[in-house]
Amino acid sequence: MVRKRKTLPKNFNELIEAGDIVALQEVFTKCELDAYGGYSKTTALSFFNVPDELVRCLVERGQI
């Protein structure tokens, strides 16, 4: 079994700003759902301006 990363990529905030939902979802093929990142080391749902579609996707996968 392949281990997934526990940290989000350094450019995660840039991906959010670009609004590319497919690229954001692909992050979680390599990272855990509860992976953390950013300045305050928070999960993806805590980032500012997370697209609603990504929020729904993460909640459906079980990250709350």
PDB file of N, CA and C in Angstrom:
ATOM      1  N   MET A   1       0.834  -1.180   0.000  1.00  0.00           N
ATOM      2  CA  MET A   1       0.000   0.000   0.000  1.00  0.00           C
ATOM      3  C   MET A   1       0.886   1.253   0.000  1.00  0.00           C
ATOM      4  N   VAL A   2       0.562   2.171  -0.856  1.00  0.00           N
ATOM      5  CA  VAL A   2       1.328   3.404  -0.995  1.00  0.00           C
ATOM      6  C   VAL A   2       0.909   4.381   0.102  1.00  0.00           C
ATOM      7  N   ARG A   3       1.902   4.945   0.774  1.00  0.00           N
ATOM      8  CA  ARG A   3       1.610   5.944   1.801  1.00  0.00           C
ATOM      9  C   ARG A   3       1.346   7.288   1.147  1.00  0.00           C
ATOM     10  N   LYS A   4       0.351   7.981   1.671  1.00  0.00           N
ATOM     11  CA  LYS A   4       0.039   9.314   1.166  1.00  0.00           C
ATOM     12  C   LYS A   4       0.714  10.363   2.036  1.00  0.00           C
ATOM     13  N   ARG A   5       0.955  11.511   1.439  1.00  0.00           N
ATOM     14  CA  ARG A   5       1.600  12.622   2.147  1.00  0.00           C
ATOM     15  C   ARG A   5       0.688  13.164   3.238  1.00  0.00           C
ATOM     16  N   LYS A   6       1.288  13.637   4.307  1.00  0.00           N
ATOM     17  CA  LYS A   6       0.532  14.236   5.402  1.00  0.00           C
ATOM     18  C   LYS A   6       0.507  15.752   5.309  1.00  0.00           C
ATOM     19  N   THR A   7       1.221  16.294   4.331  1.00  0.00           N
ATOM     20  CA  THR A   7       1.240  17.742   4.143  1.00  0.00           C
ATOM     21  C   THR A   7       0.741  18.096   2.745  1.00  0.00           C
ATOM     22  N   LEU A   8       0.088  19.227   2.649  1.00  0.00           N
ATOM     23  CA  LEU A   8      -0.398  19.721   1.368  1.00  0.00           C
ATOM     24  C   LEU A   8       0.777  20.311   0.589  1.00  0.00           C
ATOM     25  N   PRO A   9       0.678  20.348  -0.735  1.00  0.00           N
ATOM     26  CA  PRO A   9       1.758  20.958  -1.523  1.00  0.00           C
ATOM     27  C   PRO A   9       1.901  22.446  -1.203  1.00  0.00           C
ATOM     28  N   LYS A  10       3.099  22.953  -1.356  1.00  0.00           N
ATOM     29  CA  LYS A  10       3.367  24.363  -1.041  1.00  0.00           C
ATOM     30  C   LYS A  10       2.535  25.314  -1.895  1.00  0.00           C
ATOM     31  N   ASN A  11       2.141  24.887  -3.081  1.00  0.00           N
ATOM     32  CA  ASN A  11       1.369  25.750  -3.973  1.00  0.00           C
ATOM     33  C   ASN A  11      -0.144  25.536  -3.832  1.00  0.00           C
ATOM     34  N   PHE A  12      -0.597  24.933  -2.747  1.00  0.00           N
ATOM     35  CA  PHE A  12      -2.023  24.644  -2.580  1.00  0.00           C
ATOM     36  C   PHE A  12      -2.857  25.919  -2.628  1.00  0.00           C
ATOM     37  N   ASN A  13      -2.384  26.977  -1.996  1.00  0.00           N
ATOM     38  CA  ASN A  13      -3.113  28.243  -2.017  1.00  0.00           C
ATOM     39  C   ASN A  13      -3.209  28.803  -3.440  1.00  0.00           C
ATOM     40  N   GLU A  14      -2.169  28.629  -4.229  1.00  0.00           N
ATOM     41  CA  GLU A  14      -2.197  29.082  -5.626  1.00  0.00           C
ATOM     42  C   GLU A  14      -3.212  28.277  -6.430  1.00  0.00           C
ATOM     43  N   LEU A  15      -3.329  26.990  -6.145  1.00  0.00           N
ATOM     44  CA  LEU A  15      -4.324  26.164  -6.820  1.00  0.00           C
ATOM     45  C   LEU A  15      -5.734  26.632  -6.479  1.00  0.00           C
ATOM     46  N   ILE A  16      -5.940  27.019  -5.229  1.00  0.00           N
ATOM     47  CA  ILE A  16      -7.247  27.546  -4.823  1.00  0.00           C
ATOM     48  C   ILE A  16      -7.541  28.833  -5.577  1.00  0.00           C
ATOM     49  N   GLU A  17      -6.560  29.724  -5.644  1.00  0.00           N
ATOM     50  CA  GLU A  17      -6.753  31.000  -6.342  1.00  0.00           C
ATOM     51  C   GLU A  17      -7.036  30.796  -7.822  1.00  0.00           C
ATOM     52  N   ALA A  18      -6.416  29.772  -8.427  1.00  0.00           N
ATOM     53  CA  ALA A  18      -6.647  29.492  -9.851  1.00  0.00           C
ATOM     54  C   ALA A  18      -8.040  28.917 -10.072  1.00  0.00           C
ATOM     55  N   GLY A  19      -8.602  28.276  -9.049  1.00  0.00           N
ATOM     56  CA  GLY A  19      -9.955  27.731  -9.162  1.00  0.00           C
ATOM     57  C   GLY A  19     -10.042  26.458  -9.979  1.00  0.00           C
ATOM     58  N   ASP A  20      -8.930  25.786 -10.186  1.00  0.00           N
ATOM     59  CA  ASP A  20      -8.908  24.556 -10.969  1.00  0.00           C
ATOM     60  C   ASP A  20      -9.310  23.382 -10.077  1.00  0.00           C
ATOM     61  N   ILE A  21     -10.582  23.023 -10.120  1.00  0.00           N
ATOM     62  CA  ILE A  21     -11.128  21.979  -9.248  1.00  0.00           C
ATOM     63  C   ILE A  21     -10.460  20.635  -9.506  1.00  0.00           C
ATOM     64  N   VAL A  22     -10.201  20.323 -10.758  1.00  0.00           N
ATOM     65  CA  VAL A  22      -9.576  19.042 -11.094  1.00  0.00           C
ATOM     66  C   VAL A  22      -8.187  18.945 -10.456  1.00  0.00           C
ATOM     67  N   ALA A  23      -7.399  19.999 -10.549  1.00  0.00           N
ATOM     68  CA  ALA A  23      -6.064  20.001  -9.949  1.00  0.00           C
ATOM     69  C   ALA A  23      -6.154  19.894  -8.431  1.00  0.00           C
ATOM     70  N   LEU A  24      -7.134  20.556  -7.837  1.00  0.00           N
ATOM     71  CA  LEU A  24      -7.306  20.487  -6.388  1.00  0.00           C
ATOM     72  C   LEU A  24      -7.689  19.080  -5.954  1.00  0.00           C
ATOM     73  N   GLN A  25      -8.555  18.431  -6.707  1.00  0.00           N
ATOM     74  CA  GLN A  25      -8.956  17.067  -6.366  1.00  0.00           C
ATOM     75  C   GLN A  25      -7.802  16.093  -6.552  1.00  0.00           C
ATOM     76  N   GLU A  26      -6.953  16.333  -7.534  1.00  0.00           N
ATOM     77  CA  GLU A  26      -5.798  15.462  -7.770  1.00  0.00           C
ATOM     78  C   GLU A  26      -4.794  15.522  -6.619  1.00  0.00           C
ATOM     79  N   VAL A  27      -4.763  16.639  -5.898  1.00  0.00           N
ATOM     80  CA  VAL A  27      -3.875  16.762  -4.741  1.00  0.00           C
ATOM     81  C   VAL A  27      -4.158  15.625  -3.761  1.00  0.00           C
ATOM     82  N   PHE A  28      -5.427  15.270  -3.616  1.00  0.00           N
ATOM     83  CA  PHE A  28      -5.804  14.276  -2.622  1.00  0.00           C
ATOM     84  C   PHE A  28      -5.667  12.836  -3.115  1.00  0.00           C
ATOM     85  N   THR A  29      -5.135  12.647  -4.318  1.00  0.00           N
ATOM     86  CA  THR A  29      -4.733  11.303  -4.730  1.00  0.00           C
ATOM     87  C   THR A  29      -3.357  10.994  -4.163  1.00  0.00           C
ATOM     88  N   LYS A  30      -2.606  12.063  -3.828  1.00  0.00           N
ATOM     89  CA  LYS A  30      -1.256  11.906  -3.270  1.00  0.00           C
ATOM     90  C   LYS A  30      -1.183  12.286  -1.793  1.00  0.00           C
ATOM     91  N   CYS A  31      -2.180  13.032  -1.311  1.00  0.00           N
ATOM     92  CA  CYS A  31      -2.179  13.509   0.077  1.00  0.00           C
ATOM     93  C   CYS A  31      -3.354  12.917   0.839  1.00  0.00           C
ATOM     94  N   GLU A  32      -3.173  12.774   2.144  1.00  0.00           N
ATOM     95  CA  GLU A  32      -4.255  12.347   3.024  1.00  0.00           C
ATOM     96  C   GLU A  32      -5.366  13.398   3.001  1.00  0.00           C
ATOM     97  N   LEU A  33      -6.603  12.993   3.312  1.00  0.00           N
ATOM     98  CA  LEU A  33      -7.701  13.948   3.364  1.00  0.00           C
ATOM     99  C   LEU A  33      -7.488  14.982   4.464  1.00  0.00           C
ATOM    100  N   ASP A  34      -6.822  14.589   5.532  1.00  0.00           N
ATOM    101  CA  ASP A  34      -6.579  15.528   6.628  1.00  0.00           C
ATOM    102  C   ASP A  34      -5.161  16.111   6.590  1.00  0.00           C
ATOM    103  N   ALA A  35      -4.568  16.121   5.406  1.00  0.00           N
ATOM    104  CA  ALA A  35      -3.241  16.719   5.251  1.00  0.00           C
ATOM    105  C   ALA A  35      -3.312  18.195   5.618  1.00  0.00           C
ATOM    106  N   TYR A  36      -2.225  18.716   6.120  1.00  0.00           N
ATOM    107  CA  TYR A  36      -2.194  20.095   6.572  1.00  0.00           C
ATOM    108  C   TYR A  36      -1.156  20.887   5.786  1.00  0.00           C
ATOM    109  N   GLY A  37      -1.314  22.200   5.834  1.00  0.00           N
ATOM    110  CA  GLY A  37      -0.371  23.051   5.139  1.00  0.00           C
ATOM    111  C   GLY A  37      -0.651  24.507   5.385  1.00  0.00           C
ATOM    112  N   GLY A  38       0.087  25.344   4.700  1.00  0.00           N
ATOM    113  CA  GLY A  38      -0.065  26.784   4.854  1.00  0.00           C
ATOM    114  C   GLY A  38       0.639  27.306   6.080  1.00  0.00           C
ATOM    115  N   TYR A  39       0.508  28.588   6.300  1.00  0.00           N
ATOM    116  CA  TYR A  39       1.186  29.267   7.396  1.00  0.00           C
ATOM    117  C   TYR A  39       0.780  28.702   8.760  1.00  0.00           C
ATOM    118  N   SER A  40      -0.514  28.451   8.948  1.00  0.00           N
ATOM    119  CA  SER A  40      -0.989  27.996  10.247  1.00  0.00           C
ATOM    120  C   SER A  40      -1.161  26.480  10.321  1.00  0.00           C
ATOM    121  N   LYS A  41      -0.660  25.762   9.335  1.00  0.00           N
ATOM    122  CA  LYS A  41      -0.686  24.293   9.326  1.00  0.00           C
ATOM    123  C   LYS A  41      -2.093  23.748   9.561  1.00  0.00           C
ATOM    124  N   THR A  42      -3.030  24.143   8.705  1.00  0.00           N
ATOM    125  CA  THR A  42      -4.416  23.710   8.817  1.00  0.00           C
ATOM    126  C   THR A  42      -4.782  22.789   7.660  1.00  0.00           C
ATOM    127  N   THR A  43      -5.940  22.164   7.770  1.00  0.00           N
ATOM    128  CA  THR A  43      -6.411  21.278   6.702  1.00  0.00           C
ATOM    129  C   THR A  43      -6.969  22.111   5.546  1.00  0.00           C
ATOM    130  N   ALA A  44      -7.261  21.450   4.447  1.00  0.00           N
ATOM    131  CA  ALA A  44      -7.723  22.131   3.236  1.00  0.00           C
ATOM    132  C   ALA A  44      -9.001  22.931   3.468  1.00  0.00           C
ATOM    133  N   LEU A  45      -9.890  22.417   4.309  1.00  0.00           N
ATOM    134  CA  LEU A  45     -11.152  23.111   4.547  1.00  0.00           C
ATOM    135  C   LEU A  45     -10.957  24.435   5.288  1.00  0.00           C
ATOM    136  N   SER A  46      -9.828  24.628   5.902  1.00  0.00           N
ATOM    137  CA  SER A  46      -9.568  25.857   6.657  1.00  0.00           C
ATOM    138  C   SER A  46      -8.945  26.959   5.816  1.00  0.00           C
ATOM    139  N   PHE A  47      -8.581  26.658   4.591  1.00  0.00           N
ATOM    140  CA  PHE A  47      -7.990  27.682   3.725  1.00  0.00           C
ATOM    141  C   PHE A  47      -9.054  28.680   3.288  1.00  0.00           C
ATOM    142  N   PHE A  48      -8.636  29.916   3.072  1.00  0.00           N
ATOM    143  CA  PHE A  48      -9.530  30.981   2.642  1.00  0.00           C
ATOM    144  C   PHE A  48      -9.925  30.768   1.184  1.00  0.00           C
ATOM    145  N   ASN A  49     -11.181  30.973   0.869  1.00  0.00           N
ATOM    146  CA  ASN A  49     -11.736  30.883  -0.494  1.00  0.00           C
ATOM    147  C   ASN A  49     -11.680  29.488  -1.100  1.00  0.00           C
ATOM    148  N   VAL A  50     -11.801  28.450  -0.298  1.00  0.00           N
ATOM    149  CA  VAL A  50     -11.855  27.088  -0.837  1.00  0.00           C
ATOM    150  C   VAL A  50     -13.141  26.966  -1.649  1.00  0.00           C
ATOM    151  N   PRO A  51     -13.062  26.524  -2.895  1.00  0.00           N
ATOM    152  CA  PRO A  51     -14.265  26.403  -3.724  1.00  0.00           C
ATOM    153  C   PRO A  51     -15.276  25.422  -3.101  1.00  0.00           C
ATOM    154  N   ASP A  52     -16.547  25.759  -3.219  1.00  0.00           N
ATOM    155  CA  ASP A  52     -17.614  24.924  -2.662  1.00  0.00           C
ATOM    156  C   ASP A  52     -17.551  23.496  -3.190  1.00  0.00           C
ATOM    157  N   GLU A  53     -17.201  23.353  -4.442  1.00  0.00           N
ATOM    158  CA  GLU A  53     -17.141  22.023  -5.046  1.00  0.00           C
ATOM    159  C   GLU A  53     -16.076  21.151  -4.364  1.00  0.00           C
ATOM    160  N   LEU A  54     -14.951  21.748  -3.998  1.00  0.00           N
ATOM    161  CA  LEU A  54     -13.911  21.004  -3.291  1.00  0.00           C
ATOM    162  C   LEU A  54     -14.378  20.651  -1.881  1.00  0.00           C
ATOM    163  N   VAL A  55     -15.070  21.571  -1.229  1.00  0.00           N
ATOM    164  CA  VAL A  55     -15.602  21.294   0.112  1.00  0.00           C
ATOM    165  C   VAL A  55     -16.534  20.091   0.054  1.00  0.00           C
ATOM    166  N   ARG A  56     -17.448  20.085  -0.910  1.00  0.00           N
ATOM    167  CA  ARG A  56     -18.380  18.955  -1.050  1.00  0.00           C
ATOM    168  C   ARG A  56     -17.636  17.650  -1.310  1.00  0.00           C
ATOM    169  N   CYS A  57     -16.643  17.707  -2.159  1.00  0.00           N
ATOM    170  CA  CYS A  57     -15.857  16.516  -2.492  1.00  0.00           C
ATOM    171  C   CYS A  57     -15.164  15.963  -1.249  1.00  0.00           C
ATOM    172  N   LEU A  58     -14.539  16.822  -0.462  1.00  0.00           N
ATOM    173  CA  LEU A  58     -13.823  16.388   0.733  1.00  0.00           C
ATOM    174  C   LEU A  58     -14.788  15.834   1.785  1.00  0.00           C
ATOM    175  N   VAL A  59     -15.930  16.483   1.938  1.00  0.00           N
ATOM    176  CA  VAL A  59     -16.917  16.001   2.910  1.00  0.00           C
ATOM    177  C   VAL A  59     -17.461  14.645   2.486  1.00  0.00           C
ATOM    178  N   GLU A  60     -17.716  14.460   1.194  1.00  0.00           N
ATOM    179  CA  GLU A  60     -18.194  13.173   0.693  1.00  0.00           C
ATOM    180  C   GLU A  60     -17.177  12.063   0.931  1.00  0.00           C
ATOM    181  N   ARG A  61     -15.894  12.417   0.855  1.00  0.00           N
ATOM    182  CA  ARG A  61     -14.832  11.432   1.082  1.00  0.00           C
ATOM    183  C   ARG A  61     -14.585  11.175   2.560  1.00  0.00           C
ATOM    184  N   GLY A  62     -15.161  12.003   3.410  1.00  0.00           N
ATOM    185  CA  GLY A  62     -15.060  11.740   4.828  1.00  0.00           C
ATOM    186  C   GLY A  62     -14.221  12.689   5.646  1.00  0.00           C
ATOM    187  N   GLN A  63     -13.788  13.810   5.089  1.00  0.00           N
ATOM    188  CA  GLN A  63     -13.003  14.751   5.860  1.00  0.00           C
ATOM    189  C   GLN A  63     -13.916  15.811   6.458  1.00  0.00           C
ATOM    190  N   ILE A  64     -14.076  15.758   7.739  1.00  0.00           N
ATOM    191  CA  ILE A  64     -14.909  16.745   8.432  1.00  0.00           C
ATOM    192  C   ILE A  64     -14.113  17.326   9.561  1.00  0.00           C
TER     193      ILE A  64
END
